[in-house]
Amino acid sequence: MSNLALIATLLVMMALAYHLGLTRSRAVAAEHDVRMHSRPGYYGVLVALWCGLPALAIFLLWSFLAPQLIDMLVTQQLPADMVAGLSDRELQTLLRRVTALANGQGVAGGGSPEELAAAGHMARLQTIENFSLVALMAVLVVVGLIFARRRISPNWRARNQVERVIMFALAASSAVAIFTTIGIVLSMLGEALRFFSFISPAEFFFGTVWNPRFSTAGSASQGEFGLLPLLWGTMMVSTIALLVAIPVGLMTAIYMAEYAPPWLRNVAKPVIEILAGIPTIVYGFFALIVVGPFLSSAGDLIGINIRTTSALTAGLVMGIMIIPFVSSLSDDIITQVPKSLRDGALGLGATKSETIRQVVLPAALPGIVGAFLLAASRAIGETMIVVLAAGNNPVLHANPFEAVSTITVTIVNQLTGDMDFASPQSLVAFALGLTLFVITLGLNVIALVVVRKYRQQYE
């Protein structure tokens, strides 16, 4: 039985257990003519949890441990002279070939007799493993169902136990997000420290030349890894994007919140937010094929040399992409300003525009600033648009009409192809990623602090 079929069967059994627990609690209440501690639905949910959670835990544990155990047993089945001297990667490649043969898939060369014998042994082990898993899960389902159904009584605090399980699930979900973030930081930090064993932090953070080439004959240089050209290119593209997105997004939000009739708002707001759902690779193609040539042609008409791939091209298209972030967040914040502030200003004789400028916007300013900072972090971390439209020129200059290179573009370049992850040319990608993470984290923290201040004041 496949894993999907097994999970589907388990869900069906949990639904059946819920129904049995529900009917059993009602029968107990009618039989003893007493008031149950919890509503019948809680008893049904608790019986379903006792039926499904132990089996689900065994399924997850089994799915993690069983493949490793089977690989170990198959490795012991292989001839000693066949696995002797194999590295871990070569052994994993051999096991993948055996697994493919065991699953009935073809491999290059058709497989040796030893591999075919190991594949047969693996197939038998997989059959035993699948049968054992199904049998163990079935036993746990039945035992959990019988145990929970028999425990139903007027004094059984089903609601408290269900809420305890829900609280644990919520806490576990929060822990997953937290530990994932910690894992990302630690994985980048370890490799970044390896990079700084080759290149000093001062040379990386304050260097003005980016030229990560391998050392030539007779030279001990590892290349030049100055961050400033990449950081400047990132800031230039992001600044252009924000100069486009902030005015357009804020004016759109003001119109939608204060002036637009309801029918237009209900139509226009979802259409604007569609921009946020377009894949960034599509924006990259749009910048490369349409916006870049258009800007180059417009520059020729007025005597300005604008490259097709430039900071201006990438910034304009990125600004269009993040308009929905500014517009939607600002719109939500403006509409949350208390109506009493508007009514007070209008009652004192202020016009509609004066009320917006002098009352609504100052009241919503902390939240709007938070929206701007969130949009800035989105712009700084963008990859595909700048890969296709910004060019790749890691030179420190202030001309937006020329190509630039950003941190995200450089990370892609350094990790593309068959790279040696023990060299500074590859390890620098982790130092760049950690730097970008710190920048975006700082912007997000500032945005959250500002938004929190806004909520405390106006909720």
Protein backbone atom coordinates (compact mmCIF):
# COMPACT_ATOMS: atom_id res chain seq x y z
CA MET A 1 0.00 0.00 0.00
CA SER A 2 1.37 3.41 -0.98
CA ASN A 3 1.93 6.13 1.59
CA LEU A 4 -0.85 8.25 0.09
CA ALA A 5 -3.35 5.39 0.29
CA LEU A 6 -2.23 4.67 3.86
CA ILE A 7 -2.76 8.29 4.95
CA ALA A 8 -6.15 8.39 3.19
CA THR A 9 -7.21 5.19 4.97
CA LEU A 10 -6.07 6.63 8.30
CA LEU A 11 -8.13 9.79 7.72
CA VAL A 12 -11.19 7.68 6.91
CA MET A 13 -10.69 5.71 10.14
CA MET A 14 -10.38 8.95 12.11
CA ALA A 15 -13.64 10.19 10.60
CA LEU A 16 -15.30 6.90 11.59
CA ALA A 17 -13.83 7.18 15.09
CA TYR A 18 -15.20 10.72 15.41
CA HIS A 19 -18.69 9.47 14.56
CA LEU A 20 -18.41 6.59 17.03
CA GLY A 21 -17.21 8.90 19.81
CA LEU A 22 -20.00 11.35 19.06
CA THR A 23 -22.75 8.74 19.21
CA ARG A 24 -21.19 7.05 22.25
CA SER A 25 -21.14 10.32 24.26
CA ARG A 26 -24.79 10.96 23.46
CA ALA A 27 -25.70 7.40 24.43
CA VAL A 28 -23.85 7.73 27.76
CA ALA A 29 -25.62 11.00 28.51
CA ALA A 30 -29.03 9.45 27.74
CA GLU A 31 -28.26 6.23 29.63
CA HIS A 32 -27.19 7.93 32.87
CA ASP A 33 -29.49 10.94 32.43
CA VAL A 34 -26.67 13.31 33.41
CA ARG A 35 -24.99 16.36 31.96
CA MET A 36 -21.67 15.53 30.26
CA HIS A 37 -18.61 17.59 31.08
CA SER A 38 -18.04 18.51 27.41
CA ARG A 39 -20.12 18.81 24.29
CA PRO A 40 -20.48 15.63 22.18
CA GLY A 41 -18.21 17.01 19.46
CA TYR A 42 -15.25 17.14 21.84
CA TYR A 43 -15.64 13.45 22.67
CA GLY A 44 -15.75 12.63 18.98
CA VAL A 45 -12.60 14.65 18.29
CA LEU A 46 -10.78 13.07 21.23
CA VAL A 47 -11.63 9.54 20.10
CA ALA A 48 -10.46 10.44 16.58
CA LEU A 49 -7.19 11.78 17.98
CA TRP A 50 -6.58 8.63 20.04
CA CYS A 51 -7.32 6.62 16.90
CA GLY A 52 -5.08 8.57 14.51
CA LEU A 53 -2.23 10.30 16.30
CA PRO A 54 -0.33 7.18 17.56
CA ALA A 55 -0.61 5.57 14.13
CA LEU A 56 0.51 8.81 12.45
CA ALA A 57 3.51 9.09 14.78
CA ILE A 58 4.54 5.52 13.98
CA PHE A 59 4.10 6.23 10.26
CA LEU A 60 6.41 9.28 10.40
CA LEU A 61 9.02 7.51 12.52
CA TRP A 62 8.87 4.41 10.32
CA SER A 63 9.19 6.46 7.12
CA PHE A 64 12.37 8.05 8.50
CA LEU A 65 14.05 4.95 9.93
CA ALA A 66 12.96 2.12 7.61
CA PRO A 67 14.84 3.28 4.46
CA GLN A 68 18.06 3.62 6.43
CA LEU A 69 17.62 0.16 7.97
CA ILE A 70 16.91 -1.40 4.57
CA ASP A 71 19.96 0.30 3.03
CA MET A 72 22.12 -1.04 5.88
CA LEU A 73 20.79 -4.60 5.43
CA VAL A 74 21.24 -4.43 1.64
CA THR A 75 24.78 -3.13 2.06
CA GLN A 76 25.58 -6.12 4.28
CA GLN A 77 24.16 -8.39 1.56
CA LEU A 78 26.53 -7.02 -1.09
CA PRO A 79 29.87 -8.79 -1.60
CA ALA A 80 32.64 -7.39 0.55
CA ASP A 81 34.99 -6.87 -2.39
CA MET A 82 32.26 -4.86 -4.16
CA VAL A 83 31.82 -2.25 -1.41
CA ALA A 84 35.41 -2.20 -0.18
CA GLY A 85 37.10 1.10 -0.87
CA LEU A 86 33.91 2.90 -1.93
CA SER A 87 33.42 6.42 -0.66
CA ASP A 88 30.13 7.47 0.90
CA ARG A 89 29.03 9.15 -2.34
CA GLU A 90 29.91 6.09 -4.42
CA LEU A 91 28.09 3.82 -1.97
CA GLN A 92 24.99 6.02 -2.16
CA THR A 93 25.14 5.88 -5.96
CA LEU A 94 25.32 2.09 -5.81
CA LEU A 95 22.35 1.93 -3.43
CA ARG A 96 20.35 4.19 -5.74
CA ARG A 97 21.00 1.78 -8.61
CA VAL A 98 19.90 -1.15 -6.44
CA THR A 99 16.78 0.76 -5.38
CA ALA A 100 15.91 1.51 -9.00
CA LEU A 101 16.28 -2.15 -9.91
CA ALA A 102 14.16 -3.18 -6.90
CA ASN A 103 11.40 -0.80 -8.05
CA GLY A 104 11.45 -2.22 -11.57
CA GLN A 105 13.22 0.74 -13.15
CA GLY A 106 16.04 0.48 -15.65
CA VAL A 107 19.63 1.49 -14.98
CA ALA A 108 22.61 2.02 -17.20
CA GLY A 109 24.21 -1.31 -18.11
CA GLY A 110 21.24 -3.34 -16.93
CA GLY A 111 22.78 -4.09 -13.54
CA SER A 112 25.40 -6.65 -12.55
CA PRO A 113 24.43 -10.04 -11.04
CA GLU A 114 25.40 -8.76 -7.61
CA GLU A 115 23.22 -5.68 -8.03
CA LEU A 116 20.29 -7.80 -9.24
CA ALA A 117 20.63 -10.10 -6.23
CA ALA A 118 20.77 -7.10 -3.89
CA ALA A 119 17.72 -5.62 -5.64
CA GLY A 120 15.78 -8.83 -5.06
CA HIS A 121 16.74 -8.80 -1.39
CA MET A 122 15.70 -5.13 -1.14
CA ALA A 123 12.34 -5.86 -2.77
CA ARG A 124 11.66 -8.59 -0.20
CA LEU A 125 12.66 -6.29 2.64
CA GLN A 126 10.39 -3.53 1.31
CA THR A 127 7.47 -5.96 1.12
CA ILE A 128 8.04 -7.04 4.73
CA GLU A 129 8.44 -3.41 5.78
CA ASN A 130 5.19 -2.32 4.10
CA PHE A 131 3.23 -5.22 5.59
CA SER A 132 4.67 -4.61 9.06
CA LEU A 133 3.85 -0.90 8.90
CA VAL A 134 0.26 -1.53 7.81
CA ALA A 135 -0.23 -4.17 10.51
CA LEU A 136 1.26 -2.01 13.28
CA MET A 137 -0.79 1.02 12.27
CA ALA A 138 -3.96 -1.09 12.13
CA VAL A 139 -3.31 -2.42 15.64
CA LEU A 140 -2.72 1.09 16.98
CA VAL A 141 -5.88 2.39 15.32
CA VAL A 142 -8.03 -0.37 16.79
CA VAL A 143 -6.47 -0.18 20.25
CA GLY A 144 -6.76 3.62 20.35
CA LEU A 145 -10.38 3.49 19.20
CA ILE A 146 -11.41 0.89 21.79
CA PHE A 147 -9.47 2.59 24.60
CA ALA A 148 -10.87 6.07 23.94
CA ARG A 149 -14.44 4.91 23.32
CA ARG A 150 -14.54 2.98 26.59
CA ARG A 151 -13.25 5.96 28.55
CA ILE A 152 -16.18 8.16 27.58
CA SER A 153 -17.99 9.09 30.78
CA PRO A 154 -19.73 12.16 32.22
CA ASN A 155 -16.59 13.14 34.13
CA TRP A 156 -14.10 12.73 31.25
CA ARG A 157 -12.75 16.21 30.48
CA ALA A 158 -12.67 15.84 26.72
CA ARG A 159 -12.71 19.56 25.98
CA ASN A 160 -9.66 20.23 28.14
CA GLN A 161 -7.68 17.44 26.48
CA VAL A 162 -8.65 18.49 22.96
CA GLU A 163 -7.67 22.08 23.68
CA ARG A 164 -4.39 20.86 25.14
CA VAL A 165 -3.65 18.98 21.92
CA ILE A 166 -4.56 22.03 19.85
CA MET A 167 -2.27 24.24 21.96
CA PHE A 168 0.55 21.76 21.50
CA ALA A 169 -0.03 21.73 17.73
CA LEU A 170 0.04 25.54 17.60
CA ALA A 171 3.22 25.66 19.68
CA ALA A 172 4.83 23.01 17.45
CA SER A 173 3.93 25.02 14.35
CA SER A 174 5.53 28.11 15.84
CA ALA A 175 8.60 26.09 16.80
CA VAL A 176 8.95 24.82 13.23
CA ALA A 177 9.13 28.39 11.92
CA ILE A 178 11.57 29.45 14.63
CA PHE A 179 13.88 26.45 14.30
CA THR A 180 13.81 26.72 10.51
CA THR A 181 15.04 30.30 10.76
CA ILE A 182 17.71 29.30 13.25
CA GLY A 183 18.78 26.43 10.99
CA ILE A 184 19.09 28.73 8.00
CA VAL A 185 21.20 31.18 9.97
CA LEU A 186 23.47 28.49 11.41
CA SER A 187 23.97 26.81 8.02
CA MET A 188 25.01 30.12 6.46
CA LEU A 189 27.06 31.17 9.48
CA GLY A 190 29.19 28.01 9.46
CA GLU A 191 30.09 28.33 5.79
CA ALA A 192 30.61 32.09 6.12
CA LEU A 193 33.12 31.51 8.91
CA ARG A 194 34.97 29.09 6.61
CA PHE A 195 35.07 31.83 3.98
CA PHE A 196 36.47 34.33 6.48
CA SER A 197 39.30 31.89 7.19
CA PHE A 198 40.47 32.62 3.62
CA ILE A 199 39.48 36.30 3.32
CA SER A 200 39.56 38.79 6.17
CA PRO A 201 36.23 40.42 7.15
CA ALA A 202 37.73 43.87 6.65
CA GLU A 203 38.66 43.04 3.06
CA PHE A 204 35.19 41.63 2.40
CA PHE A 205 33.03 44.33 4.02
CA PHE A 206 35.12 47.34 2.97
CA GLY A 207 36.66 46.19 -0.31
CA THR A 208 35.80 48.17 -3.44
CA VAL A 209 36.74 45.57 -6.08
CA TRP A 210 34.84 42.38 -6.84
CA ASN A 211 36.98 39.96 -8.83
CA PRO A 212 36.75 36.44 -7.29
CA ARG A 213 39.17 34.68 -9.60
CA PHE A 214 41.29 31.67 -8.83
CA SER A 215 44.94 32.31 -8.13
CA THR A 216 47.26 32.29 -11.14
CA ALA A 217 50.60 30.56 -11.36
CA GLY A 218 53.14 32.12 -9.08
CA SER A 219 50.52 34.14 -7.24
CA ALA A 220 49.08 33.44 -3.82
CA SER A 221 46.09 35.72 -4.36
CA GLN A 222 42.63 34.18 -4.07
CA GLY A 223 40.97 37.06 -5.91
CA GLU A 224 39.31 40.20 -4.62
CA PHE A 225 36.03 39.92 -2.70
CA GLY A 226 34.96 43.50 -2.02
CA LEU A 227 31.31 43.70 -0.98
CA LEU A 228 30.77 47.42 -1.60
CA PRO A 229 30.15 47.22 -5.41
CA LEU A 230 27.51 44.54 -4.87
CA LEU A 231 25.94 46.36 -1.93
CA TRP A 232 25.87 49.62 -3.89
CA GLY A 233 24.26 47.91 -6.88
CA THR A 234 21.63 46.36 -4.60
CA MET A 235 20.87 49.70 -2.98
CA MET A 236 20.70 51.48 -6.34
CA VAL A 237 18.22 49.04 -7.87
CA SER A 238 16.14 48.92 -4.68
CA THR A 239 16.07 52.73 -4.41
CA ILE A 240 14.80 53.08 -7.99
CA ALA A 241 12.17 50.43 -7.30
CA LEU A 242 10.99 52.23 -4.16
CA LEU A 243 10.90 55.59 -5.99
CA VAL A 244 8.45 53.95 -8.39
CA ALA A 245 6.45 51.84 -5.95
CA ILE A 246 6.02 54.22 -3.02
CA PRO A 247 4.36 57.20 -4.78
CA VAL A 248 2.23 55.05 -7.09
CA GLY A 249 1.29 52.58 -4.37
CA LEU A 250 0.50 55.27 -1.78
CA MET A 251 -1.63 57.34 -4.17
CA THR A 252 -3.45 54.19 -5.24
CA ALA A 253 -4.13 53.34 -1.60
CA ILE A 254 -5.42 56.86 -0.85
CA TYR A 255 -7.76 56.78 -3.84
CA MET A 256 -9.05 53.29 -3.03
CA ALA A 257 -9.60 54.07 0.63
CA GLU A 258 -10.99 57.61 0.42
CA TYR A 259 -12.32 58.40 -3.04
CA ALA A 260 -13.18 55.23 -4.98
CA PRO A 261 -16.82 54.10 -4.98
CA PRO A 262 -17.41 50.62 -3.54
CA TRP A 263 -18.02 48.97 -6.93
CA LEU A 264 -14.74 50.30 -8.32
CA ARG A 265 -12.81 49.37 -5.18
CA ASN A 266 -14.15 45.80 -5.28
CA VAL A 267 -12.96 45.45 -8.87
CA ALA A 268 -9.73 47.46 -8.91
CA LYS A 269 -8.12 46.24 -5.70
CA PRO A 270 -8.04 42.53 -6.67
CA VAL A 271 -6.77 43.49 -10.14
CA ILE A 272 -3.91 45.51 -8.63
CA GLU A 273 -3.03 42.69 -6.23
CA ILE A 274 -2.74 40.29 -9.18
CA LEU A 275 0.61 41.97 -9.84
CA ALA A 276 1.93 40.40 -6.64
CA GLY A 277 0.99 36.92 -7.89
CA ILE A 278 2.84 37.12 -11.22
CA PRO A 279 6.03 35.01 -11.10
CA THR A 280 9.16 37.13 -10.91
CA ILE A 281 10.69 35.32 -13.88
CA VAL A 282 7.85 36.77 -15.99
CA TYR A 283 8.77 40.25 -14.78
CA GLY A 284 12.36 39.48 -15.71
CA PHE A 285 11.42 38.55 -19.28
CA PHE A 286 9.20 41.64 -19.49
CA ALA A 287 12.12 43.84 -18.39
CA LEU A 288 14.57 42.19 -20.77
CA ILE A 289 12.34 42.11 -23.86
CA VAL A 290 10.09 45.19 -23.48
CA VAL A 291 11.26 47.69 -20.87
CA GLY A 292 14.99 47.51 -21.56
CA PRO A 293 14.76 48.07 -25.34
CA PHE A 294 12.15 50.81 -24.78
CA LEU A 295 14.40 52.71 -22.36
CA SER A 296 17.37 52.30 -24.71
CA SER A 297 15.38 53.68 -27.64
CA ALA A 298 14.01 56.54 -25.54
CA GLY A 299 17.53 57.38 -24.42
CA ASP A 300 18.76 57.52 -28.03
CA LEU A 301 16.03 60.02 -28.87
CA ILE A 302 17.23 62.46 -26.22
CA GLY A 303 20.93 61.70 -26.59
CA ILE A 304 21.43 59.59 -23.45
CA ASN A 305 23.12 56.20 -23.59
CA ILE A 306 20.91 53.79 -21.63
CA ARG A 307 21.87 50.14 -21.72
CA THR A 308 19.19 47.52 -22.23
CA THR A 309 20.29 45.78 -19.05
CA SER A 310 20.81 48.43 -16.42
CA ALA A 311 19.95 49.41 -12.90
CA LEU A 312 17.16 51.63 -14.25
CA THR A 313 15.53 48.77 -16.17
CA ALA A 314 15.61 46.39 -13.21
CA GLY A 315 14.50 49.09 -10.76
CA LEU A 316 11.49 50.20 -12.83
CA VAL A 317 10.17 46.67 -13.30
CA MET A 318 10.84 45.76 -9.68
CA GLY A 319 8.96 48.88 -8.63
CA ILE A 320 5.96 47.76 -10.68
CA MET A 321 6.15 44.37 -9.00
CA ILE A 322 6.09 45.73 -5.43
CA ILE A 323 3.33 48.31 -6.01
CA PRO A 324 0.72 45.86 -4.63
CA PHE A 325 2.73 45.46 -1.41
CA VAL A 326 2.69 49.21 -0.77
CA SER A 327 -0.84 49.73 -2.05
CA SER A 328 -2.54 46.87 -0.23
CA LEU A 329 -0.80 47.40 3.12
CA SER A 330 -1.28 51.17 3.03
CA ASP A 331 -4.92 50.76 2.04
CA ASP A 332 -5.59 48.46 4.99
CA ILE A 333 -3.85 50.87 7.35
CA ILE A 334 -5.67 53.97 6.08
CA THR A 335 -9.07 52.30 6.36
CA GLN A 336 -8.31 51.42 10.00
CA VAL A 337 -7.96 55.06 11.00
CA PRO A 338 -10.99 55.78 13.25
CA LYS A 339 -13.89 57.46 11.47
CA SER A 340 -14.23 59.84 14.39
CA LEU A 341 -11.00 61.59 13.32
CA ARG A 342 -12.39 62.21 9.87
CA ASP A 343 -15.75 63.38 11.21
CA GLY A 344 -14.05 65.76 13.64
CA ALA A 345 -11.95 67.35 10.89
CA LEU A 346 -14.91 67.68 8.55
CA GLY A 347 -17.02 69.13 11.35
CA LEU A 348 -14.41 71.85 11.90
CA GLY A 349 -14.73 72.87 8.25
CA ALA A 350 -11.82 71.00 6.65
CA THR A 351 -12.21 69.84 3.07
CA LYS A 352 -11.85 66.21 2.01
CA SER A 353 -8.28 66.69 0.77
CA GLU A 354 -7.29 68.68 3.86
CA THR A 355 -8.69 65.92 6.09
CA ILE A 356 -6.62 63.32 4.24
CA ARG A 357 -3.40 65.37 4.29
CA GLN A 358 -3.58 66.72 7.82
CA VAL A 359 -5.50 64.04 9.74
CA VAL A 360 -5.70 60.65 8.04
CA LEU A 361 -2.15 60.38 6.71
CA PRO A 362 -0.46 61.58 9.94
CA ALA A 363 -2.58 59.13 11.91
CA ALA A 364 -1.70 56.28 9.54
CA LEU A 365 1.94 57.32 9.08
CA PRO A 366 3.55 54.69 11.38
CA GLY A 367 1.74 51.87 9.59
CA ILE A 368 2.52 53.33 6.17
CA VAL A 369 6.21 53.54 7.07
CA GLY A 370 6.05 49.88 8.09
CA ALA A 371 4.57 49.04 4.69
CA PHE A 372 7.42 50.94 3.00
CA LEU A 373 10.04 49.02 4.97
CA LEU A 374 8.44 45.67 4.15
CA ALA A 375 8.42 46.64 0.47
CA ALA A 376 12.10 47.64 0.75
CA SER A 377 13.04 44.25 2.18
CA ARG A 378 11.12 42.60 -0.68
CA ALA A 379 13.05 44.68 -3.22
CA ILE A 380 16.45 43.99 -1.67
CA GLY A 381 15.90 40.24 -1.74
CA GLU A 382 14.59 40.02 -5.33
CA THR A 383 16.60 37.73 -7.61
CA MET A 384 15.13 36.85 -11.00
CA ILE A 385 14.42 40.40 -12.20
CA VAL A 386 17.94 41.60 -11.46
CA VAL A 387 19.48 38.43 -12.90
CA LEU A 388 17.84 39.11 -16.27
CA ALA A 389 17.55 42.90 -16.34
CA ALA A 390 20.33 44.47 -14.25
CA GLY A 391 23.28 42.97 -16.11
CA ASN A 392 26.34 41.69 -14.34
CA ASN A 393 28.82 44.49 -13.87
CA PRO A 394 30.21 44.50 -10.30
CA VAL A 395 31.80 47.94 -10.56
CA LEU A 396 31.34 50.77 -8.10
CA HIS A 397 29.67 53.59 -10.10
CA ALA A 398 26.71 55.94 -9.68
CA ASN A 399 25.26 55.78 -13.21
CA PRO A 400 21.81 54.09 -13.17
CA PHE A 401 21.92 53.77 -16.95
CA GLU A 402 24.76 51.26 -16.76
CA ALA A 403 24.70 47.61 -15.76
CA VAL A 404 25.24 46.71 -12.12
CA SER A 405 25.53 43.55 -10.10
CA THR A 406 23.60 42.89 -6.92
CA ILE A 407 24.13 40.54 -4.01
CA THR A 408 21.46 38.12 -5.21
CA VAL A 409 22.88 37.99 -8.75
CA THR A 410 26.33 37.26 -7.38
CA ILE A 411 25.03 34.46 -5.16
CA VAL A 412 23.45 32.83 -8.22
CA ASN A 413 26.68 33.21 -10.22
CA GLN A 414 28.92 31.83 -7.48
CA LEU A 415 26.76 28.73 -6.94
CA THR A 416 26.12 27.95 -10.61
CA GLY A 417 28.01 25.10 -12.24
CA ASP A 418 30.34 22.46 -10.82
CA MET A 419 31.94 24.34 -7.96
CA ASP A 420 34.35 23.28 -5.25
CA PHE A 421 32.65 24.13 -1.96
CA ALA A 422 36.01 24.23 -0.19
CA SER A 423 37.18 27.29 -2.14
CA PRO A 424 36.50 30.93 -1.22
CA GLN A 425 34.97 31.46 -4.68
CA SER A 426 32.01 29.29 -3.63
CA LEU A 427 32.01 29.95 0.11
CA VAL A 428 31.61 33.68 -0.52
CA ALA A 429 28.00 32.99 -1.56
CA PHE A 430 27.21 32.07 2.05
CA ALA A 431 28.82 35.25 3.37
CA LEU A 432 26.77 37.25 0.87
CA GLY A 433 23.61 35.38 1.85
CA LEU A 434 24.24 36.03 5.53
CA THR A 435 24.78 39.73 4.82
CA LEU A 436 21.54 39.91 2.84
CA PHE A 437 19.72 38.06 5.61
CA VAL A 438 20.92 40.56 8.22
CA ILE A 439 19.84 43.51 6.05
CA THR A 440 16.35 42.17 5.36
CA LEU A 441 15.96 41.01 8.97
CA GLY A 442 16.80 44.49 10.20
CA LEU A 443 14.24 46.07 7.88
CA ASN A 444 11.57 43.58 8.93
CA VAL A 445 12.27 44.15 12.62
CA ILE A 446 12.00 47.91 12.16
CA ALA A 447 8.75 47.45 10.22
CA LEU A 448 7.28 45.20 12.90
CA VAL A 449 8.20 47.66 15.64
CA VAL A 450 6.59 50.54 13.76
CA VAL A 451 3.43 48.54 12.95
CA ARG A 452 3.17 47.40 16.57
CA LYS A 453 3.33 50.99 17.71
CA TYR A 454 0.56 51.85 15.24
CA ARG A 455 -1.66 49.03 16.47
CA GLN A 456 -1.22 49.98 20.09
CA GLN A 457 -2.28 53.53 19.31
CA TYR A 458 -5.29 53.02 17.06
CA GLU A 459 -6.84 49.62 17.77
